[in-house]
N, C-alpha and C. Protein backbone atom coordinates (compact mmCIF):
# COMPACT_ATOMS: atom_id res chain seq x y z
N MET A 1 1.09 -1.23 0.00
CA MET A 1 -0.06 -0.08 0.22
C MET A 1 1.10 1.17 0.07
N LYS A 2 0.54 2.40 -1.03
CA LYS A 2 1.44 3.48 -0.83
C LYS A 2 0.93 4.45 0.37
N ASN A 3 1.89 5.35 0.80
CA ASN A 3 1.68 6.15 1.82
C ASN A 3 1.29 7.07 1.09
N GLN A 4 0.81 8.27 2.24
CA GLN A 4 0.37 9.74 1.61
C GLN A 4 1.21 10.09 0.82
N SER A 5 2.27 10.49 1.05
CA SER A 5 3.43 11.36 0.33
C SER A 5 3.54 10.68 -0.85
N GLN A 6 3.63 9.47 -1.22
CA GLN A 6 3.57 8.69 -2.59
C GLN A 6 2.49 8.69 -3.23
N LEU A 7 1.14 9.32 -3.02
CA LEU A 7 0.10 9.54 -3.41
C LEU A 7 0.18 10.84 -4.01
N SER A 8 0.56 11.74 -3.11
CA SER A 8 0.45 13.36 -3.51
C SER A 8 1.61 13.76 -4.31
N GLY A 9 2.71 12.80 -4.44
CA GLY A 9 3.84 13.10 -5.22
C GLY A 9 4.56 14.08 -4.30
N PHE A 10 4.45 14.31 -3.01
CA PHE A 10 5.29 15.23 -2.19
C PHE A 10 6.52 14.35 -1.75
N HIS A 11 7.59 14.60 -1.53
CA HIS A 11 8.59 13.89 -1.31
C HIS A 11 9.52 14.64 -0.48
N PRO A 12 9.71 14.60 0.78
CA PRO A 12 10.28 15.05 2.11
C PRO A 12 11.91 15.29 1.40
N VAL A 13 11.80 16.53 1.56
CA VAL A 13 13.89 16.85 1.71
C VAL A 13 14.31 17.07 2.80
N ARG A 14 15.41 16.51 2.96
CA ARG A 14 16.36 16.59 4.19
C ARG A 14 17.16 17.80 4.00
N PRO A 15 17.39 18.36 5.27
CA PRO A 15 18.19 19.63 4.98
C PRO A 15 19.67 19.42 4.49
N HIS A 16 20.24 18.54 3.91
CA HIS A 16 21.52 18.62 3.39
C HIS A 16 20.85 18.34 2.00
N GLN A 17 19.76 18.16 1.46
CA GLN A 17 19.51 18.34 0.12
C GLN A 17 19.02 19.68 -0.50
N LEU A 18 18.80 20.65 0.60
CA LEU A 18 18.08 21.73 0.26
C LEU A 18 19.21 22.66 -0.66
N PHE A 19 18.58 23.34 -1.78
CA PHE A 19 19.43 24.33 -2.69
C PHE A 19 20.02 25.47 -1.86
N GLN A 20 21.18 25.75 -1.71
CA GLN A 20 21.28 26.70 -1.18
C GLN A 20 21.81 27.85 -1.90
N GLU A 21 20.90 28.92 -2.14
CA GLU A 21 21.07 30.08 -2.85
C GLU A 21 22.09 31.06 -2.77
N GLU A 22 22.79 31.19 -3.31
CA GLU A 22 23.80 32.11 -3.11
C GLU A 22 23.61 33.85 -2.92
N VAL A 23 24.09 33.98 -1.98
CA VAL A 23 23.76 35.46 -1.47
C VAL A 23 24.65 36.60 -2.30
N HIS A 24 24.04 37.24 -2.88
CA HIS A 24 24.85 38.41 -3.60
C HIS A 24 24.83 39.81 -2.89
N ASP A 25 25.94 40.27 -2.75
CA ASP A 25 26.16 41.19 -1.91
C ASP A 25 27.25 42.38 -2.96
N SER A 26 26.58 43.29 -3.49
CA SER A 26 27.31 43.86 -4.41
C SER A 26 28.38 44.70 -4.10
N TYR A 27 28.50 44.90 -2.44
CA TYR A 27 29.16 45.58 -1.89
C TYR A 27 30.57 44.75 -1.45
N LYS A 28 30.44 43.72 -1.49
CA LYS A 28 31.29 42.81 -1.21
C LYS A 28 32.64 42.61 -2.06
N THR A 29 34.01 42.62 -2.00
CA THR A 29 34.88 42.52 -2.81
C THR A 29 34.75 41.45 -3.68
N LYS A 30 34.66 41.39 -5.06
CA LYS A 30 34.61 40.30 -6.07
C LYS A 30 35.81 39.91 -6.20
N GLY A 31 36.20 38.48 -5.77
CA GLY A 31 37.73 38.26 -5.88
C GLY A 31 38.69 38.71 -5.08
N LYS A 32 39.66 38.04 -5.23
CA LYS A 32 41.01 38.69 -4.10
C LYS A 32 41.33 39.80 -4.75
N LEU A 33 41.68 40.67 -3.97
CA LEU A 33 42.38 41.88 -4.61
C LEU A 33 43.83 41.76 -4.29
N PRO A 34 44.62 42.11 -5.45
CA PRO A 34 45.97 42.34 -5.08
C PRO A 34 46.75 42.85 -3.89
N GLU A 35 47.52 42.18 -3.15
CA GLU A 35 47.88 43.04 -2.04
C GLU A 35 49.24 43.66 -2.13
N PRO A 36 49.63 44.39 -1.39
CA PRO A 36 48.73 45.48 -0.76
C PRO A 36 47.81 46.19 -1.90
N THR A 37 46.52 46.46 -1.53
CA THR A 37 45.52 47.52 -1.88
C THR A 37 45.21 48.49 -0.75
N VAL A 38 45.41 49.78 -1.26
CA VAL A 38 44.49 50.53 0.07
C VAL A 38 43.49 51.44 -0.49
N CYS A 39 42.63 51.84 0.27
CA CYS A 39 41.49 52.54 0.01
C CYS A 39 41.64 53.85 -0.24
N PRO A 40 41.52 54.83 -1.33
CA PRO A 40 42.08 56.06 -1.69
C PRO A 40 41.38 57.21 -0.62
N ASP A 41 39.83 56.62 -0.30
CA ASP A 41 39.14 57.21 0.51
C ASP A 41 39.71 57.49 1.85
N CYS A 42 39.62 56.36 2.71
CA CYS A 42 39.99 56.15 3.74
C CYS A 42 41.11 55.98 4.35
N GLY A 43 41.89 55.23 3.39
CA GLY A 43 43.36 55.14 3.70
C GLY A 43 43.43 53.30 4.25
N ALA A 44 42.58 52.77 4.66
CA ALA A 44 42.61 51.19 5.03
C ALA A 44 42.97 50.54 3.95
N VAL A 45 44.02 49.64 4.57
CA VAL A 45 45.12 48.78 3.41
C VAL A 45 44.47 47.26 3.65
N PHE A 46 44.15 46.63 2.33
CA PHE A 46 43.84 45.21 2.37
C PHE A 46 45.07 44.59 2.34
N HIS A 47 45.32 43.70 3.23
CA HIS A 47 46.56 42.83 3.63
C HIS A 47 45.99 41.55 4.25
N GLU A 48 46.67 40.49 4.01
CA GLU A 48 46.43 39.13 4.28
C GLU A 48 44.91 38.71 4.21
N GLY A 49 44.16 39.28 3.38
CA GLY A 49 42.99 38.92 3.23
C GLY A 49 41.90 39.64 3.74
N ARG A 50 42.22 40.80 4.39
CA ARG A 50 41.24 41.63 5.09
C ARG A 50 41.43 43.07 5.15
N TRP A 51 40.49 44.16 5.28
CA TRP A 51 40.76 45.39 5.50
C TRP A 51 41.36 45.80 6.74
N GLN A 52 42.53 46.55 6.88
CA GLN A 52 43.08 46.60 8.41
C GLN A 52 43.63 48.16 8.17
N TRP A 53 43.83 48.73 9.50
CA TRP A 53 44.61 50.10 9.37
C TRP A 53 46.07 49.99 9.68
N LEU A 54 46.69 50.17 8.46
CA LEU A 54 48.02 49.95 8.29
C LEU A 54 48.51 51.21 7.86
N THR A 55 49.86 51.18 7.66
CA THR A 55 50.50 52.07 6.79
C THR A 55 50.60 51.61 5.30
N ALA A 56 50.19 52.55 4.52
CA ALA A 56 50.19 51.90 3.14
C ALA A 56 51.39 51.86 2.60
N PRO A 57 51.82 50.97 1.88
CA PRO A 57 53.28 51.08 1.42
C PRO A 57 53.34 51.60 -0.02
N ALA A 58 54.49 52.05 -0.27
CA ALA A 58 54.55 52.90 -1.27
C ALA A 58 54.36 51.67 -2.52
N GLY A 59 53.57 52.27 -3.81
CA GLY A 59 53.07 51.47 -4.86
C GLY A 59 52.01 50.67 -4.71
N ALA A 60 51.10 50.66 -3.51
CA ALA A 60 50.15 49.70 -3.22
C ALA A 60 49.24 50.03 -4.55
N HIS A 61 48.38 49.00 -4.75
CA HIS A 61 47.35 49.03 -5.68
C HIS A 61 46.12 50.12 -4.59
N GLN A 62 45.31 50.69 -5.50
CA GLN A 62 44.12 51.48 -5.07
C GLN A 62 42.87 50.69 -5.49
N ALA A 63 42.12 50.64 -4.47
CA ALA A 63 40.70 50.43 -4.57
C ALA A 63 39.59 50.96 -3.41
N SER A 64 38.63 51.27 -3.79
CA SER A 64 37.79 51.64 -2.54
C SER A 64 37.36 50.32 -1.89
N CYS A 65 37.40 50.65 -0.45
CA CYS A 65 36.80 49.68 0.45
C CYS A 65 35.35 49.26 0.10
N PRO A 66 34.52 48.47 0.80
CA PRO A 66 33.51 48.59 0.78
C PRO A 66 32.28 49.57 1.15
N ALA A 67 33.09 49.75 2.98
CA ALA A 67 32.54 50.97 3.74
C ALA A 67 32.38 52.29 2.86
N CYS A 68 33.54 52.58 2.12
CA CYS A 68 33.45 53.80 1.34
C CYS A 68 32.55 53.70 0.27
N HIS A 69 32.58 52.51 -0.47
CA HIS A 69 31.72 52.63 -1.57
C HIS A 69 30.18 52.69 -1.05
N ARG A 70 29.88 51.91 0.31
CA ARG A 70 28.42 52.23 0.62
C ARG A 70 28.11 54.07 0.75
N ILE A 71 29.08 54.34 1.50
CA ILE A 71 29.11 55.75 1.82
C ILE A 71 28.75 56.53 0.78
N ARG A 72 29.58 56.48 -0.16
CA ARG A 72 29.60 57.20 -1.52
C ARG A 72 28.27 57.01 -2.46
N ASP A 73 27.57 55.85 -2.14
CA ASP A 73 26.40 55.24 -2.72
C ASP A 73 25.12 55.54 -1.83
N HIS A 74 25.42 56.05 -0.50
CA HIS A 74 24.58 56.56 0.29
C HIS A 74 23.47 55.20 0.61
N PHE A 75 24.15 54.10 0.70
CA PHE A 75 23.62 52.84 0.58
C PHE A 75 23.66 51.93 1.99
N PRO A 76 23.33 52.36 2.87
CA PRO A 76 23.30 51.65 4.29
C PRO A 76 23.14 50.31 4.38
N ALA A 77 23.69 49.20 5.40
CA ALA A 77 23.54 47.98 5.76
C ALA A 77 22.63 48.00 6.66
N GLY A 78 23.30 48.97 7.74
CA GLY A 78 22.21 48.93 8.92
C GLY A 78 21.56 50.43 9.27
N TYR A 79 20.50 50.42 9.75
CA TYR A 79 19.62 51.53 10.57
C TYR A 79 19.04 51.02 11.88
N VAL A 80 19.33 52.33 12.80
CA VAL A 80 19.15 52.16 13.97
C VAL A 80 18.15 53.29 14.38
N THR A 81 17.14 53.08 14.50
CA THR A 81 16.12 54.17 15.14
C THR A 81 16.01 54.29 16.53
N LEU A 82 16.09 55.60 16.94
CA LEU A 82 16.01 55.88 18.64
C LEU A 82 14.94 56.68 18.91
N THR A 83 14.02 56.06 19.63
CA THR A 83 12.62 56.94 19.94
C THR A 83 12.12 56.57 21.17
N GLY A 84 11.26 57.50 21.70
CA GLY A 84 10.47 57.21 23.21
C GLY A 84 10.60 58.50 23.93
N THR A 85 10.25 58.69 25.08
CA THR A 85 10.03 59.70 25.64
C THR A 85 11.40 59.87 26.45
N PHE A 86 12.13 58.80 26.74
CA PHE A 86 13.56 58.84 27.65
C PHE A 86 14.40 59.61 26.56
N PHE A 87 14.55 59.34 25.37
CA PHE A 87 15.40 59.56 24.70
C PHE A 87 15.92 61.13 24.32
N PRO A 88 14.99 62.14 24.17
CA PRO A 88 15.15 63.30 24.15
C PRO A 88 15.93 63.98 25.44
N ALA A 89 15.43 63.37 26.56
CA ALA A 89 16.05 64.15 27.76
C ALA A 89 17.61 63.57 28.20
N HIS A 90 17.76 62.28 27.43
CA HIS A 90 19.58 61.82 27.51
C HIS A 90 19.82 61.57 26.29
N GLU A 91 19.76 62.60 25.52
CA GLU A 91 19.89 62.39 23.85
C GLU A 91 21.57 62.54 23.77
N GLN A 92 22.28 63.73 24.41
CA GLN A 92 23.58 63.52 24.19
C GLN A 92 24.27 62.61 24.89
N GLU A 93 23.56 62.04 26.00
CA GLU A 93 24.64 60.95 26.68
C GLU A 93 24.57 59.73 25.94
N ILE A 94 23.27 59.49 25.26
CA ILE A 94 23.08 58.08 24.20
C ILE A 94 24.13 58.56 23.01
N LEU A 95 24.14 59.25 22.37
CA LEU A 95 24.97 59.82 21.23
C LEU A 95 26.41 59.69 21.52
N HIS A 96 26.46 60.11 22.69
CA HIS A 96 28.22 59.84 23.09
C HIS A 96 28.34 58.60 23.33
N LEU A 97 27.65 57.84 23.73
CA LEU A 97 28.00 56.36 23.91
C LEU A 97 28.08 55.60 22.48
N ILE A 98 27.08 55.68 21.80
CA ILE A 98 26.83 55.50 20.28
C ILE A 98 28.51 55.73 19.62
N GLN A 99 28.73 57.03 19.62
CA GLN A 99 29.96 57.61 18.94
C GLN A 99 31.28 56.79 19.57
N HIS A 100 31.44 56.57 21.10
CA HIS A 100 32.63 55.79 21.52
C HIS A 100 32.28 54.68 21.11
N LEU A 101 31.21 53.78 21.14
CA LEU A 101 31.21 52.24 20.61
C LEU A 101 31.31 52.31 19.12
N ALA A 102 31.33 53.04 18.09
CA ALA A 102 31.63 53.44 16.96
C ALA A 102 32.98 53.27 16.74
N GLU A 103 33.76 54.36 17.31
CA GLU A 103 34.96 54.45 17.23
C GLU A 103 36.01 53.27 17.69
N GLN A 104 35.41 52.66 18.64
CA GLN A 104 36.05 51.56 19.05
C GLN A 104 35.71 50.24 17.94
N GLU A 105 34.91 50.09 17.45
CA GLU A 105 34.28 49.12 16.67
C GLU A 105 35.53 49.45 15.13
N LYS A 106 35.42 50.68 14.65
CA LYS A 106 36.04 51.26 13.73
C LYS A 106 37.58 50.99 13.86
N SER A 107 38.21 51.13 14.99
CA SER A 107 39.47 51.22 14.99
C SER A 107 39.95 49.42 14.75
N GLU A 108 39.20 48.52 14.95
CA GLU A 108 39.56 47.10 15.08
C GLU A 108 38.64 46.79 13.58
N HIS A 109 37.39 47.37 13.10
CA HIS A 109 37.27 46.65 12.09
C HIS A 109 36.79 47.70 11.14
N PRO A 110 37.84 48.19 10.17
CA PRO A 110 37.71 49.47 9.28
C PRO A 110 36.62 49.39 8.45
N LEU A 111 35.69 48.32 8.32
CA LEU A 111 34.43 48.58 7.48
C LEU A 111 33.11 48.92 8.37
N GLN A 112 32.96 48.76 9.32
CA GLN A 112 31.91 49.17 10.50
C GLN A 112 32.20 50.68 10.76
N ARG A 113 31.63 51.42 10.40
CA ARG A 113 31.27 52.71 10.25
C ARG A 113 29.86 53.26 10.46
N ILE A 114 30.02 54.13 11.43
CA ILE A 114 28.41 55.11 11.19
C ILE A 114 28.50 55.98 9.76
N MET A 115 27.38 56.05 9.15
CA MET A 115 27.24 56.87 7.82
C MET A 115 26.83 58.14 8.31
N ALA A 116 25.67 58.41 8.78
CA ALA A 116 24.87 59.41 9.38
C ALA A 116 24.27 59.28 10.85
N ILE A 117 23.81 60.23 11.34
CA ILE A 117 23.13 60.17 12.46
C ILE A 117 22.17 61.44 12.26
N GLU A 118 20.96 61.21 11.86
CA GLU A 118 19.82 62.21 11.55
C GLU A 118 18.83 62.24 12.53
N LYS A 119 18.36 63.62 12.78
CA LYS A 119 17.15 63.76 13.70
C LYS A 119 15.71 63.54 12.80
N THR A 120 15.19 62.79 13.30
CA THR A 120 13.54 62.54 12.98
C THR A 120 12.71 63.16 13.86
N ALA A 121 11.41 63.14 13.25
CA ALA A 121 10.05 63.68 14.45
C ALA A 121 10.02 63.02 15.51
N GLN A 122 10.25 61.71 15.56
CA GLN A 122 10.28 60.90 16.65
C GLN A 122 11.35 60.42 17.60
N GLY A 123 12.37 60.93 16.96
CA GLY A 123 14.01 60.76 17.54
C GLY A 123 15.08 60.92 16.77
N SER A 124 15.80 59.66 16.88
CA SER A 124 17.03 60.11 15.71
C SER A 124 17.39 58.66 14.97
N LEU A 125 17.89 58.86 13.49
CA LEU A 125 17.95 57.40 12.92
C LEU A 125 19.61 57.49 12.67
N ILE A 126 20.01 56.40 12.76
CA ILE A 126 21.43 56.21 12.60
C ILE A 126 22.06 55.24 11.22
N THR A 127 22.33 55.58 10.58
CA THR A 127 22.76 54.56 9.44
C THR A 127 24.11 53.96 9.37
N THR A 128 24.46 52.77 9.16
CA THR A 128 25.97 52.09 9.19
C THR A 128 26.03 51.49 7.96
N THR A 129 27.60 51.10 8.08
CA THR A 129 27.94 50.40 6.35
C THR A 129 27.91 48.85 6.68
N ASP A 130 27.57 48.63 7.88
CA ASP A 130 27.71 46.86 8.63
C ASP A 130 26.60 46.57 9.31
N ILE A 131 25.97 45.81 8.94
CA ILE A 131 24.83 45.29 9.93
C ILE A 131 25.33 44.89 11.40
N HIS A 132 26.69 44.54 11.81
CA HIS A 132 27.11 44.21 12.83
C HIS A 132 27.39 45.29 13.79
N LEU A 133 27.62 46.47 13.28
CA LEU A 133 27.56 47.94 13.99
C LEU A 133 26.27 48.01 14.30
N ALA A 134 25.44 48.14 13.71
CA ALA A 134 24.15 48.23 13.87
C ALA A 134 23.43 47.63 15.03
N ARG A 135 23.35 46.38 14.85
CA ARG A 135 23.28 45.36 16.09
C ARG A 135 23.83 45.77 17.33
N GLY A 136 25.05 45.87 17.19
CA GLY A 136 25.84 46.50 18.15
C GLY A 136 25.46 47.88 19.00
N ILE A 137 25.18 48.66 18.48
CA ILE A 137 24.71 49.82 18.58
C ILE A 137 23.45 49.66 19.67
N GLY A 138 22.40 48.79 18.80
CA GLY A 138 21.54 48.61 19.65
C GLY A 138 21.51 47.51 21.10
N GLU A 139 22.62 46.91 20.69
CA GLU A 139 22.70 45.96 22.02
C GLU A 139 23.30 46.71 23.20
N ALA A 140 24.07 47.61 22.67
CA ALA A 140 24.55 48.36 23.81
C ALA A 140 23.93 49.61 24.66
N LEU A 141 22.91 49.81 24.02
CA LEU A 141 21.85 50.80 24.22
C LEU A 141 20.88 50.05 25.39
N HIS A 142 20.46 48.76 24.67
CA HIS A 142 19.69 47.99 25.56
C HIS A 142 20.23 47.89 26.84
N HIS A 143 21.79 47.54 26.88
CA HIS A 143 22.54 47.05 28.02
C HIS A 143 22.71 48.04 28.99
N ALA A 144 22.74 49.66 28.71
CA ALA A 144 23.00 50.46 29.37
C ALA A 144 21.83 51.31 29.98
N TYR A 145 20.74 51.18 28.69
CA TYR A 145 19.60 51.74 29.31
C TYR A 145 18.18 50.80 29.53
N GLN A 146 18.19 49.85 29.09
CA GLN A 146 17.11 49.11 29.00
C GLN A 146 16.20 48.93 27.77
N GLY A 147 14.93 49.31 28.13
CA GLY A 147 14.28 49.83 26.56
C GLY A 147 13.57 48.83 26.14
N GLU A 148 12.88 48.82 24.97
CA GLU A 148 12.42 47.88 24.13
C GLU A 148 13.61 47.74 22.74
N LEU A 149 14.06 46.45 22.51
CA LEU A 149 15.10 46.60 21.36
C LEU A 149 14.03 45.35 20.49
N GLU A 150 14.30 45.79 19.30
CA GLU A 150 13.76 44.61 18.12
C GLU A 150 14.75 44.85 16.97
N PHE A 151 14.89 43.62 16.34
CA PHE A 151 15.76 43.58 15.21
C PHE A 151 14.95 42.90 14.04
N HIS A 152 15.16 43.56 12.58
CA HIS A 152 14.35 42.92 11.71
C HIS A 152 15.25 42.83 10.63
N TYR A 153 16.07 41.81 10.38
CA TYR A 153 16.72 41.55 9.56
C TYR A 153 16.37 41.03 7.97
N ASN A 154 16.79 41.45 6.79
CA ASN A 154 16.21 41.10 5.80
C ASN A 154 17.20 40.51 4.85
N PRO A 155 17.29 39.28 4.91
CA PRO A 155 18.30 38.48 4.18
C PRO A 155 18.67 38.78 2.69
N GLU A 156 17.81 39.14 2.02
CA GLU A 156 17.95 39.47 0.51
C GLU A 156 18.53 40.54 0.31
N GLN A 157 18.17 41.59 0.98
CA GLN A 157 18.84 42.77 0.82
C GLN A 157 20.17 42.79 1.75
N LEU A 158 20.52 41.95 2.92
CA LEU A 158 21.53 41.96 3.70
C LEU A 158 21.58 43.13 4.53
N LEU A 159 20.39 43.40 4.84
CA LEU A 159 19.83 45.07 5.77
C LEU A 159 19.29 44.42 7.08
N LEU A 160 19.83 45.15 8.03
CA LEU A 160 19.43 45.27 9.44
C LEU A 160 18.66 46.48 9.90
N ARG A 161 17.53 46.34 10.22
CA ARG A 161 16.81 47.77 11.08
C ARG A 161 16.80 47.22 12.28
N VAL A 162 17.17 47.88 13.24
CA VAL A 162 17.24 48.02 14.41
C VAL A 162 16.27 49.21 15.28
N ASN A 163 15.33 48.79 16.21
CA ASN A 163 14.42 49.72 17.00
C ASN A 163 14.75 49.72 18.19
N TRP A 164 15.07 50.97 18.85
CA TRP A 164 15.24 51.01 20.24
C TRP A 164 14.24 51.96 20.65
N VAL A 165 13.65 51.45 22.01
CA VAL A 165 12.55 52.71 22.02
C VAL A 165 12.50 52.46 23.66
N ARG A 166 12.67 53.87 24.20
CA ARG A 166 12.57 53.87 25.89
C ARG A 166 11.90 55.50 25.85
C-alpha cells in the first residue's frame, strides 16, 4: 500500500538536500584583491585577506573599500532608530555612547562605520555601513538603558533594522 506522500507526489527533503541560494552582496569585494591594496578614500589597507588600518606601502594598488563604496552610494547596511520619551532627555549621553562604540569598532574593523546620524520627528536615525555595528549599537543601548529592542533582518538585501524605544 502506498503512503500519503507517495500518492500526493510530495517527497520530503532532508536539510542537506536543500539548494543553498547564493547571496549576492554588491558591496562585497569580488575576488581577491592584489596585496597590498589601499582605499584612496579612507586609507584602509587590504592585507592578508582583510581590510586593516596599516600604513600603506609605496606602490600599493588602489581600490575603494566596501564601507567607502556604501558611503559614496548612500546605501546603508544597518538602520538604528532611537525613539521614546526617554531619548530626548538623554540624547547627548546616548549619542556619546554610540559614537564611542562606533570609534572602538572602527579601530578594530575598518568596514564598520556610522554613515550618518539624523534627527527625525520621533527621535534619531543612525545609518551604518555594516549590520554588525547596527546590532552592536542596539545591544549597547539596551544594556545601558534597557528599553525595548527589536531587530528586523532582511537576508535578501543584507539589511538590518534595529529599533530601540524607551
